[in-house]
Amino acid sequence: MFLDGCTPELVTLIKMVKLALGIIQIVVPILLIVMGSLDLAKAVATQDDKVMKSTMATLGKRVVFAVAVFLVVVIVQLVMNMVSTNVQNSGSDTGLGTFTSCWNAA
């Protein structure tokens, strides 16, 4: 059932890493946007233009970071799949193809 070099312990570890990445990929952007919204509400309540401008800048940065955190996992998986495909096509045995197979199988 397991691929070459893909032990049950490795599969368990990969499943835990995938779960953690999935949680981070969803929770961190939500937290950043909620925190930014709360800061913006506080700034609007103070009715100070200077505070609102700085809060809007902070909110913009948080939204950019939220999108980056969400997309980093997708980008890493895309790069890993591209490298694995190139390694398998070249015929060299670096073990990367095996790891990618284990990652996809978990």
PDB file of N, CA and C in Angstrom:
ATOM      1  N   MET A   1       0.814  -1.193   0.000  1.00  0.00           N
ATOM      2  CA  MET A   1       0.000   0.000   0.000  1.00  0.00           C
ATOM      3  C   MET A   1       0.861   1.261   0.000  1.00  0.00           C
ATOM      4  N   PHE A   2       1.964   1.240   0.747  1.00  0.00           N
ATOM      5  CA  PHE A   2       2.802   2.431   0.845  1.00  0.00           C
ATOM      6  C   PHE A   2       3.826   2.457  -0.277  1.00  0.00           C
ATOM      7  N   LEU A   3       4.108   3.641  -0.724  1.00  0.00           N
ATOM      8  CA  LEU A   3       5.088   3.825  -1.785  1.00  0.00           C
ATOM      9  C   LEU A   3       6.477   3.619  -1.219  1.00  0.00           C
ATOM     10  N   ASP A   4       7.464   3.485  -2.084  1.00  0.00           N
ATOM     11  CA  ASP A   4       8.843   3.311  -1.635  1.00  0.00           C
ATOM     12  C   ASP A   4       9.251   4.485  -0.750  1.00  0.00           C
ATOM     13  N   GLY A   5       9.678   4.167   0.469  1.00  0.00           N
ATOM     14  CA  GLY A   5      10.130   5.202   1.385  1.00  0.00           C
ATOM     15  C   GLY A   5       9.007   5.944   2.082  1.00  0.00           C
ATOM     16  N   CYS A   6       7.777   5.578   1.838  1.00  0.00           N
ATOM     17  CA  CYS A   6       6.625   6.259   2.419  1.00  0.00           C
ATOM     18  C   CYS A   6       6.089   5.394   3.558  1.00  0.00           C
ATOM     19  N   THR A   7       6.671   5.559   4.733  1.00  0.00           N
ATOM     20  CA  THR A   7       6.312   4.738   5.884  1.00  0.00           C
ATOM     21  C   THR A   7       5.049   5.273   6.551  1.00  0.00           C
ATOM     22  N   PRO A   8       4.384   4.454   7.365  1.00  0.00           N
ATOM     23  CA  PRO A   8       3.189   4.927   8.067  1.00  0.00           C
ATOM     24  C   PRO A   8       3.475   6.137   8.976  1.00  0.00           C
ATOM     25  N   GLU A   9       4.680   6.161   9.582  1.00  0.00           N
ATOM     26  CA  GLU A   9       5.034   7.294  10.429  1.00  0.00           C
ATOM     27  C   GLU A   9       5.144   8.582   9.617  1.00  0.00           C
ATOM     28  N   LEU A  10       5.731   8.467   8.423  1.00  0.00           N
ATOM     29  CA  LEU A  10       5.858   9.635   7.557  1.00  0.00           C
ATOM     30  C   LEU A  10       4.482  10.116   7.107  1.00  0.00           C
ATOM     31  N   VAL A  11       3.606   9.192   6.785  1.00  0.00           N
ATOM     32  CA  VAL A  11       2.251   9.562   6.365  1.00  0.00           C
ATOM     33  C   VAL A  11       1.529  10.275   7.503  1.00  0.00           C
ATOM     34  N   THR A  12       1.682   9.763   8.739  1.00  0.00           N
ATOM     35  CA  THR A  12       1.065  10.410   9.895  1.00  0.00           C
ATOM     36  C   THR A  12       1.611  11.819  10.092  1.00  0.00           C
ATOM     37  N   LEU A  13       2.927  11.969   9.966  1.00  0.00           N
ATOM     38  CA  LEU A  13       3.543  13.282  10.106  1.00  0.00           C
ATOM     39  C   LEU A  13       3.050  14.240   9.021  1.00  0.00           C
ATOM     40  N   ILE A  14       2.967  13.768   7.810  1.00  0.00           N
ATOM     41  CA  ILE A  14       2.509  14.610   6.701  1.00  0.00           C
ATOM     42  C   ILE A  14       1.059  15.024   6.914  1.00  0.00           C
ATOM     43  N   LYS A  15       0.233  14.098   7.416  1.00  0.00           N
ATOM     44  CA  LYS A  15      -1.165  14.439   7.690  1.00  0.00           C
ATOM     45  C   LYS A  15      -1.269  15.518   8.754  1.00  0.00           C
ATOM     46  N   MET A  16      -0.432  15.439   9.795  1.00  0.00           N
ATOM     47  CA  MET A  16      -0.447  16.465  10.844  1.00  0.00           C
ATOM     48  C   MET A  16       0.009  17.811  10.293  1.00  0.00           C
ATOM     49  N   VAL A  17       1.040  17.808   9.453  1.00  0.00           N
ATOM     50  CA  VAL A  17       1.529  19.049   8.858  1.00  0.00           C
ATOM     51  C   VAL A  17       0.463  19.648   7.952  1.00  0.00           C
ATOM     52  N   LYS A  18      -0.203  18.815   7.162  1.00  0.00           N
ATOM     53  CA  LYS A  18      -1.263  19.307   6.286  1.00  0.00           C
ATOM     54  C   LYS A  18      -2.407  19.911   7.090  1.00  0.00           C
ATOM     55  N   LEU A  19      -2.763  19.268   8.211  1.00  0.00           N
ATOM     56  CA  LEU A  19      -3.827  19.789   9.058  1.00  0.00           C
ATOM     57  C   LEU A  19      -3.429  21.146   9.644  1.00  0.00           C
ATOM     58  N   ALA A  20      -2.203  21.236  10.149  1.00  0.00           N
ATOM     59  CA  ALA A  20      -1.723  22.497  10.722  1.00  0.00           C
ATOM     60  C   ALA A  20      -1.693  23.604   9.664  1.00  0.00           C
ATOM     61  N   LEU A  21      -1.219  23.283   8.471  1.00  0.00           N
ATOM     62  CA  LEU A  21      -1.179  24.278   7.397  1.00  0.00           C
ATOM     63  C   LEU A  21      -2.586  24.718   7.005  1.00  0.00           C
ATOM     64  N   GLY A  22      -3.514  23.775   6.968  1.00  0.00           N
ATOM     65  CA  GLY A  22      -4.895  24.120   6.642  1.00  0.00           C
ATOM     66  C   GLY A  22      -5.509  25.042   7.674  1.00  0.00           C
ATOM     67  N   ILE A  23      -5.235  24.763   8.949  1.00  0.00           N
ATOM     68  CA  ILE A  23      -5.753  25.616  10.017  1.00  0.00           C
ATOM     69  C   ILE A  23      -5.138  27.006   9.926  1.00  0.00           C
ATOM     70  N   ILE A  24      -3.834  27.067   9.748  1.00  0.00           N
ATOM     71  CA  ILE A  24      -3.144  28.360   9.629  1.00  0.00           C
ATOM     72  C   ILE A  24      -3.661  29.124   8.420  1.00  0.00           C
ATOM     73  N   GLN A  25      -3.867  28.409   7.322  1.00  0.00           N
ATOM     74  CA  GLN A  25      -4.298  29.038   6.078  1.00  0.00           C
ATOM     75  C   GLN A  25      -5.680  29.679   6.226  1.00  0.00           C
ATOM     76  N   ILE A  26      -6.520  29.174   7.109  1.00  0.00           N
ATOM     77  CA  ILE A  26      -7.855  29.726   7.290  1.00  0.00           C
ATOM     78  C   ILE A  26      -7.924  30.698   8.474  1.00  0.00           C
ATOM     79  N   VAL A  27      -7.355  30.306   9.613  1.00  0.00           N
ATOM     80  CA  VAL A  27      -7.519  31.076  10.848  1.00  0.00           C
ATOM     81  C   VAL A  27      -6.739  32.391  10.826  1.00  0.00           C
ATOM     82  N   VAL A  28      -5.502  32.366  10.373  1.00  0.00           N
ATOM     83  CA  VAL A  28      -4.677  33.584  10.414  1.00  0.00           C
ATOM     84  C   VAL A  28      -5.277  34.716   9.573  1.00  0.00           C
ATOM     85  N   PRO A  29      -5.692  34.486   8.335  1.00  0.00           N
ATOM     86  CA  PRO A  29      -6.307  35.593   7.589  1.00  0.00           C
ATOM     87  C   PRO A  29      -7.580  36.125   8.255  1.00  0.00           C
ATOM     88  N   ILE A  30      -8.392  35.218   8.797  1.00  0.00           N
ATOM     89  CA  ILE A  30      -9.614  35.673   9.470  1.00  0.00           C
ATOM     90  C   ILE A  30      -9.268  36.542  10.669  1.00  0.00           C
ATOM     91  N   LEU A  31      -8.296  36.099  11.485  1.00  0.00           N
ATOM     92  CA  LEU A  31      -7.884  36.887  12.649  1.00  0.00           C
ATOM     93  C   LEU A  31      -7.341  38.259  12.247  1.00  0.00           C
ATOM     94  N   LEU A  32      -6.526  38.289  11.203  1.00  0.00           N
ATOM     95  CA  LEU A  32      -5.963  39.567  10.752  1.00  0.00           C
ATOM     96  C   LEU A  32      -7.057  40.535  10.302  1.00  0.00           C
ATOM     97  N   ILE A  33      -8.032  40.033   9.570  1.00  0.00           N
ATOM     98  CA  ILE A  33      -9.103  40.899   9.084  1.00  0.00           C
ATOM     99  C   ILE A  33     -10.002  41.348  10.234  1.00  0.00           C
ATOM    100  N   VAL A  34     -10.304  40.451  11.176  1.00  0.00           N
ATOM    101  CA  VAL A  34     -11.131  40.827  12.327  1.00  0.00           C
ATOM    102  C   VAL A  34     -10.405  41.867  13.181  1.00  0.00           C
ATOM    103  N   MET A  35      -9.114  41.652  13.439  1.00  0.00           N
ATOM    104  CA  MET A  35      -8.354  42.626  14.231  1.00  0.00           C
ATOM    105  C   MET A  35      -8.318  43.982  13.530  1.00  0.00           C
ATOM    106  N   GLY A  36      -8.145  43.975  12.225  1.00  0.00           N
ATOM    107  CA  GLY A  36      -8.132  45.222  11.468  1.00  0.00           C
ATOM    108  C   GLY A  36      -9.474  45.927  11.513  1.00  0.00           C
ATOM    109  N   SER A  37     -10.539  45.155  11.441  1.00  0.00           N
ATOM    110  CA  SER A  37     -11.878  45.745  11.509  1.00  0.00           C
ATOM    111  C   SER A  37     -12.143  46.367  12.879  1.00  0.00           C
ATOM    112  N   LEU A  38     -11.700  45.684  13.936  1.00  0.00           N
ATOM    113  CA  LEU A  38     -11.863  46.234  15.285  1.00  0.00           C
ATOM    114  C   LEU A  38     -11.061  47.527  15.446  1.00  0.00           C
ATOM    115  N   ASP A  39      -9.837  47.534  14.936  1.00  0.00           N
ATOM    116  CA  ASP A  39      -9.026  48.759  14.994  1.00  0.00           C
ATOM    117  C   ASP A  39      -9.697  49.896  14.234  1.00  0.00           C
ATOM    118  N   LEU A  40     -10.270  49.575  13.082  1.00  0.00           N
ATOM    119  CA  LEU A  40     -10.945  50.589  12.276  1.00  0.00           C
ATOM    120  C   LEU A  40     -12.176  51.122  13.003  1.00  0.00           C
ATOM    121  N   ALA A  41     -12.913  50.251  13.660  1.00  0.00           N
ATOM    122  CA  ALA A  41     -14.093  50.692  14.423  1.00  0.00           C
ATOM    123  C   ALA A  41     -13.678  51.622  15.561  1.00  0.00           C
ATOM    124  N   LYS A  42     -12.575  51.300  16.231  1.00  0.00           N
ATOM    125  CA  LYS A  42     -12.074  52.164  17.300  1.00  0.00           C
ATOM    126  C   LYS A  42     -11.669  53.527  16.743  1.00  0.00           C
ATOM    127  N   ALA A  43     -11.014  53.519  15.587  1.00  0.00           N
ATOM    128  CA  ALA A  43     -10.567  54.777  14.986  1.00  0.00           C
ATOM    129  C   ALA A  43     -11.753  55.631  14.561  1.00  0.00           C
ATOM    130  N   VAL A  44     -12.784  55.010  14.024  1.00  0.00           N
ATOM    131  CA  VAL A  44     -13.974  55.753  13.618  1.00  0.00           C
ATOM    132  C   VAL A  44     -14.661  56.337  14.852  1.00  0.00           C
ATOM    133  N   ALA A  45     -14.654  55.607  15.958  1.00  0.00           N
ATOM    134  CA  ALA A  45     -15.282  56.094  17.188  1.00  0.00           C
ATOM    135  C   ALA A  45     -14.551  57.314  17.743  1.00  0.00           C
ATOM    136  N   THR A  46     -13.238  57.387  17.548  1.00  0.00           N
ATOM    137  CA  THR A  46     -12.488  58.548  18.054  1.00  0.00           C
ATOM    138  C   THR A  46     -12.690  59.774  17.182  1.00  0.00           C
ATOM    139  N   GLN A  47     -13.066  59.596  15.941  1.00  0.00           N
ATOM    140  CA  GLN A  47     -13.310  60.672  14.970  1.00  0.00           C
ATOM    141  C   GLN A  47     -12.099  61.585  14.783  1.00  0.00           C
ATOM    142  N   ASP A  48     -10.918  60.990  14.834  1.00  0.00           N
ATOM    143  CA  ASP A  48      -9.678  61.741  14.612  1.00  0.00           C
ATOM    144  C   ASP A  48      -9.126  61.313  13.256  1.00  0.00           C
ATOM    145  N   ASP A  49      -8.966  62.289  12.350  1.00  0.00           N
ATOM    146  CA  ASP A  49      -8.519  61.970  10.992  1.00  0.00           C
ATOM    147  C   ASP A  49      -7.136  61.331  10.973  1.00  0.00           C
ATOM    148  N   LYS A  50      -6.244  61.812  11.817  1.00  0.00           N
ATOM    149  CA  LYS A  50      -4.884  61.271  11.855  1.00  0.00           C
ATOM    150  C   LYS A  50      -4.898  59.802  12.278  1.00  0.00           C
ATOM    151  N   VAL A  51      -5.686  59.485  13.282  1.00  0.00           N
ATOM    152  CA  VAL A  51      -5.786  58.100  13.759  1.00  0.00           C
ATOM    153  C   VAL A  51      -6.433  57.220  12.690  1.00  0.00           C
ATOM    154  N   MET A  52      -7.460  57.753  12.015  1.00  0.00           N
ATOM    155  CA  MET A  52      -8.129  56.959  10.971  1.00  0.00           C
ATOM    156  C   MET A  52      -7.195  56.664   9.808  1.00  0.00           C
ATOM    157  N   LYS A  53      -6.364  57.629   9.413  1.00  0.00           N
ATOM    158  CA  LYS A  53      -5.421  57.392   8.313  1.00  0.00           C
ATOM    159  C   LYS A  53      -4.417  56.300   8.666  1.00  0.00           C
ATOM    160  N   SER A  54      -3.860  56.373   9.855  1.00  0.00           N
ATOM    161  CA  SER A  54      -2.886  55.347  10.251  1.00  0.00           C
ATOM    162  C   SER A  54      -3.557  53.980  10.404  1.00  0.00           C
ATOM    163  N   THR A  55      -4.796  53.981  10.884  1.00  0.00           N
ATOM    164  CA  THR A  55      -5.524  52.712  11.023  1.00  0.00           C
ATOM    165  C   THR A  55      -5.843  52.116   9.653  1.00  0.00           C
ATOM    166  N   MET A  56      -6.196  52.964   8.693  1.00  0.00           N
ATOM    167  CA  MET A  56      -6.468  52.463   7.335  1.00  0.00           C
ATOM    168  C   MET A  56      -5.205  51.870   6.715  1.00  0.00           C
ATOM    169  N   ALA A  57      -4.061  52.488   6.965  1.00  0.00           N
ATOM    170  CA  ALA A  57      -2.799  51.946   6.453  1.00  0.00           C
ATOM    171  C   ALA A  57      -2.511  50.592   7.089  1.00  0.00           C
ATOM    172  N   THR A  58      -2.741  50.492   8.388  1.00  0.00           N
ATOM    173  CA  THR A  58      -2.528  49.214   9.081  1.00  0.00           C
ATOM    174  C   THR A  58      -3.489  48.154   8.569  1.00  0.00           C
ATOM    175  N   LEU A  59      -4.741  48.545   8.353  1.00  0.00           N
ATOM    176  CA  LEU A  59      -5.729  47.592   7.828  1.00  0.00           C
ATOM    177  C   LEU A  59      -5.319  47.098   6.442  1.00  0.00           C
ATOM    178  N   GLY A  60      -4.820  47.992   5.606  1.00  0.00           N
ATOM    179  CA  GLY A  60      -4.358  47.589   4.271  1.00  0.00           C
ATOM    180  C   GLY A  60      -3.227  46.589   4.345  1.00  0.00           C
ATOM    181  N   LYS A  61      -2.284  46.829   5.252  1.00  0.00           N
ATOM    182  CA  LYS A  61      -1.167  45.891   5.425  1.00  0.00           C
ATOM    183  C   LYS A  61      -1.669  44.539   5.909  1.00  0.00           C
ATOM    184  N   ARG A  62      -2.617  44.556   6.836  1.00  0.00           N
ATOM    185  CA  ARG A  62      -3.145  43.298   7.361  1.00  0.00           C
ATOM    186  C   ARG A  62      -3.873  42.501   6.290  1.00  0.00           C
ATOM    187  N   VAL A  63      -4.601  43.184   5.425  1.00  0.00           N
ATOM    188  CA  VAL A  63      -5.296  42.482   4.339  1.00  0.00           C
ATOM    189  C   VAL A  63      -4.281  41.856   3.381  1.00  0.00           C
ATOM    190  N   VAL A  64      -3.214  42.585   3.068  1.00  0.00           N
ATOM    191  CA  VAL A  64      -2.167  42.041   2.195  1.00  0.00           C
ATOM    192  C   VAL A  64      -1.522  40.819   2.853  1.00  0.00           C
ATOM    193  N   PHE A  65      -1.217  40.903   4.151  1.00  0.00           N
ATOM    194  CA  PHE A  65      -0.631  39.761   4.859  1.00  0.00           C
ATOM    195  C   PHE A  65      -1.596  38.585   4.900  1.00  0.00           C
ATOM    196  N   ALA A  66      -2.889  38.855   5.063  1.00  0.00           N
ATOM    197  CA  ALA A  66      -3.886  37.786   5.099  1.00  0.00           C
ATOM    198  C   ALA A  66      -3.917  37.042   3.765  1.00  0.00           C
ATOM    199  N   VAL A  67      -3.885  37.777   2.676  1.00  0.00           N
ATOM    200  CA  VAL A  67      -3.878  37.153   1.347  1.00  0.00           C
ATOM    201  C   VAL A  67      -2.583  36.369   1.146  1.00  0.00           C
ATOM    202  N   ALA A  68      -1.451  36.923   1.592  1.00  0.00           N
ATOM    203  CA  ALA A  68      -0.165  36.242   1.438  1.00  0.00           C
ATOM    204  C   ALA A  68      -0.136  34.938   2.226  1.00  0.00           C
ATOM    205  N   VAL A  69      -0.634  34.948   3.461  1.00  0.00           N
ATOM    206  CA  VAL A  69      -0.664  33.726   4.271  1.00  0.00           C
ATOM    207  C   VAL A  69      -1.547  32.687   3.608  1.00  0.00           C
ATOM    208  N   PHE A  70      -2.674  33.126   3.064  1.00  0.00           N
ATOM    209  CA  PHE A  70      -3.589  32.189   2.420  1.00  0.00           C
ATOM    210  C   PHE A  70      -2.953  31.562   1.178  1.00  0.00           C
ATOM    211  N   LEU A  71      -2.214  32.341   0.418  1.00  0.00           N
ATOM    212  CA  LEU A  71      -1.675  31.853  -0.855  1.00  0.00           C
ATOM    213  C   LEU A  71      -0.329  31.147  -0.745  1.00  0.00           C
ATOM    214  N   VAL A  72       0.402  31.332   0.340  1.00  0.00           N
ATOM    215  CA  VAL A  72       1.753  30.764   0.436  1.00  0.00           C
ATOM    216  C   VAL A  72       1.717  29.238   0.352  1.00  0.00           C
ATOM    217  N   VAL A  73       0.724  28.609   0.952  1.00  0.00           N
ATOM    218  CA  VAL A  73       0.625  27.148   0.903  1.00  0.00           C
ATOM    219  C   VAL A  73       0.372  26.683  -0.536  1.00  0.00           C
ATOM    220  N   VAL A  74      -0.491  27.379  -1.227  1.00  0.00           N
ATOM    221  CA  VAL A  74      -0.801  27.019  -2.610  1.00  0.00           C
ATOM    222  C   VAL A  74       0.440  27.168  -3.490  1.00  0.00           C
ATOM    223  N   ILE A  75       1.180  28.241  -3.308  1.00  0.00           N
ATOM    224  CA  ILE A  75       2.382  28.490  -4.112  1.00  0.00           C
ATOM    225  C   ILE A  75       3.446  27.427  -3.847  1.00  0.00           C
ATOM    226  N   VAL A  76       3.650  27.078  -2.576  1.00  0.00           N
ATOM    227  CA  VAL A  76       4.646  26.053  -2.235  1.00  0.00           C
ATOM    228  C   VAL A  76       4.269  24.707  -2.843  1.00  0.00           C
ATOM    229  N   GLN A  77       3.005  24.331  -2.774  1.00  0.00           N
ATOM    230  CA  GLN A  77       2.577  23.063  -3.368  1.00  0.00           C
ATOM    231  C   GLN A  77       2.749  23.075  -4.886  1.00  0.00           C
ATOM    232  N   LEU A  78       2.462  24.187  -5.507  1.00  0.00           N
ATOM    233  CA  LEU A  78       2.639  24.298  -6.952  1.00  0.00           C
ATOM    234  C   LEU A  78       4.101  24.128  -7.336  1.00  0.00           C
ATOM    235  N   VAL A  79       4.997  24.785  -6.614  1.00  0.00           N
ATOM    236  CA  VAL A  79       6.433  24.661  -6.895  1.00  0.00           C
ATOM    237  C   VAL A  79       6.912  23.232  -6.659  1.00  0.00           C
ATOM    238  N   MET A  80       6.456  22.613  -5.564  1.00  0.00           N
ATOM    239  CA  MET A  80       6.854  21.228  -5.289  1.00  0.00           C
ATOM    240  C   MET A  80       6.406  20.286  -6.398  1.00  0.00           C
ATOM    241  N   ASN A  81       5.194  20.466  -6.891  1.00  0.00           N
ATOM    242  CA  ASN A  81       4.701  19.610  -7.972  1.00  0.00           C
ATOM    243  C   ASN A  81       5.483  19.829  -9.260  1.00  0.00           C
ATOM    244  N   MET A  82       5.848  21.077  -9.549  1.00  0.00           N
ATOM    245  CA  MET A  82       6.623  21.356 -10.757  1.00  0.00           C
ATOM    246  C   MET A  82       8.014  20.736 -10.668  1.00  0.00           C
ATOM    247  N   VAL A  83       8.669  20.876  -9.505  1.00  0.00           N
ATOM    248  CA  VAL A  83      10.008  20.315  -9.326  1.00  0.00           C
ATOM    249  C   VAL A  83       9.947  18.799  -9.370  1.00  0.00           C
ATOM    250  N   SER A  84       8.949  18.215  -8.736  1.00  0.00           N
ATOM    251  CA  SER A  84       8.805  16.761  -8.723  1.00  0.00           C
ATOM    252  C   SER A  84       8.602  16.216 -10.137  1.00  0.00           C
ATOM    253  N   THR A  85       7.800  16.906 -10.924  1.00  0.00           N
ATOM    254  CA  THR A  85       7.567  16.471 -12.302  1.00  0.00           C
ATOM    255  C   THR A  85       8.859  16.536 -13.103  1.00  0.00           C
ATOM    256  N   ASN A  86       9.645  17.599 -12.905  1.00  0.00           N
ATOM    257  CA  ASN A  86      10.916  17.724 -13.613  1.00  0.00           C
ATOM    258  C   ASN A  86      11.896  16.641 -13.178  1.00  0.00           C
ATOM    259  N   VAL A  87      11.925  16.320 -11.881  1.00  0.00           N
ATOM    260  CA  VAL A  87      12.827  15.281 -11.381  1.00  0.00           C
ATOM    261  C   VAL A  87      12.432  13.929 -11.954  1.00  0.00           C
ATOM    262  N   GLN A  88      11.144  13.632 -11.978  1.00  0.00           N
ATOM    263  CA  GLN A  88      10.686  12.348 -12.505  1.00  0.00           C
ATOM    264  C   GLN A  88      10.957  12.238 -14.004  1.00  0.00           C
ATOM    265  N   ASN A  89      10.793  13.334 -14.737  1.00  0.00           N
ATOM    266  CA  ASN A  89      11.043  13.311 -16.179  1.00  0.00           C
ATOM    267  C   ASN A  89      12.526  13.188 -16.506  1.00  0.00           C
ATOM    268  N   SER A  90      13.401  13.718 -15.633  1.00  0.00           N
ATOM    269  CA  SER A  90      14.827  13.666 -15.910  1.00  0.00           C
ATOM    270  C   SER A  90      15.422  12.304 -15.589  1.00  0.00           C
ATOM    271  N   GLY A  91      14.703  11.525 -14.772  1.00  0.00           N
ATOM    272  CA  GLY A  91      15.192  10.188 -14.447  1.00  0.00           C
ATOM    273  C   GLY A  91      16.156  10.145 -13.285  1.00  0.00           C
ATOM    274  N   SER A  92      16.498  11.286 -12.680  1.00  0.00           N
ATOM    275  CA  SER A  92      17.413  11.271 -11.538  1.00  0.00           C
ATOM    276  C   SER A  92      16.654  10.841 -10.294  1.00  0.00           C
ATOM    277  N   ASP A  93      17.357  10.174  -9.388  1.00  0.00           N
ATOM    278  CA  ASP A  93      16.724   9.653  -8.179  1.00  0.00           C
ATOM    279  C   ASP A  93      17.195  10.465  -6.980  1.00  0.00           C
ATOM    280  N   THR A  94      16.515  11.600  -6.719  1.00  0.00           N
ATOM    281  CA  THR A  94      16.894  12.450  -5.596  1.00  0.00           C
ATOM    282  C   THR A  94      16.026  12.215  -4.375  1.00  0.00           C
ATOM    283  N   GLY A  95      14.954  11.476  -4.508  1.00  0.00           N
ATOM    284  CA  GLY A  95      14.046  11.245  -3.391  1.00  0.00           C
ATOM    285  C   GLY A  95      12.942  12.271  -3.310  1.00  0.00           C
ATOM    286  N   LEU A  96      13.027  13.345  -4.076  1.00  0.00           N
ATOM    287  CA  LEU A  96      12.000  14.374  -4.042  1.00  0.00           C
ATOM    288  C   LEU A  96      10.690  13.860  -4.616  1.00  0.00           C
ATOM    289  N   GLY A  97      10.774  13.064  -5.655  1.00  0.00           N
ATOM    290  CA  GLY A  97       9.564  12.501  -6.248  1.00  0.00           C
ATOM    291  C   GLY A  97       8.851  11.605  -5.265  1.00  0.00           C
ATOM    292  N   THR A  98       9.605  10.843  -4.474  1.00  0.00           N
ATOM    293  CA  THR A  98       9.015   9.954  -3.465  1.00  0.00           C
ATOM    294  C   THR A  98       8.315  10.790  -2.404  1.00  0.00           C
ATOM    295  N   PHE A  99       8.964  11.853  -1.937  1.00  0.00           N
ATOM    296  CA  PHE A  99       8.337  12.709  -0.926  1.00  0.00           C
ATOM    297  C   PHE A  99       7.062  13.319  -1.457  1.00  0.00           C
ATOM    298  N   THR A 100       7.080  13.801  -2.686  1.00  0.00           N
ATOM    299  CA  THR A 100       5.889  14.403  -3.275  1.00  0.00           C
ATOM    300  C   THR A 100       4.781  13.370  -3.406  1.00  0.00           C
ATOM    301  N   SER A 101       5.136  12.147  -3.762  1.00  0.00           N
ATOM    302  CA  SER A 101       4.139  11.083  -3.842  1.00  0.00           C
ATOM    303  C   SER A 101       3.532  10.816  -2.474  1.00  0.00           C
ATOM    304  N   CYS A 102       4.369  10.784  -1.446  1.00  0.00           N
ATOM    305  CA  CYS A 102       3.882  10.601  -0.080  1.00  0.00           C
ATOM    306  C   CYS A 102       2.987  11.758   0.325  1.00  0.00           C
ATOM    307  N   TRP A 103       3.403  12.993  -0.003  1.00  0.00           N
ATOM    308  CA  TRP A 103       2.622  14.188   0.341  1.00  0.00           C
ATOM    309  C   TRP A 103       1.239  14.115  -0.304  1.00  0.00           C
ATOM    310  N   ASN A 104       1.205  13.735  -1.570  1.00  0.00           N
ATOM    311  CA  ASN A 104      -0.083  13.666  -2.278  1.00  0.00           C
ATOM    312  C   ASN A 104      -0.922  12.497  -1.790  1.00  0.00           C
ATOM    313  N   ALA A 105      -0.289  11.409  -1.357  1.00  0.00           N
ATOM    314  CA  ALA A 105      -1.033  10.239  -0.908  1.00  0.00           C
ATOM    315  C   ALA A 105      -1.611  10.431   0.500  1.00  0.00           C
ATOM    316  N   ALA A 106      -1.005  11.301   1.279  1.00  0.00           N
ATOM    317  CA  ALA A 106      -1.469  11.481   2.680  1.00  0.00           C
ATOM    318  C   ALA A 106      -2.751  12.263   2.743  1.00  0.00           C
TER     319      ALA A 106
END
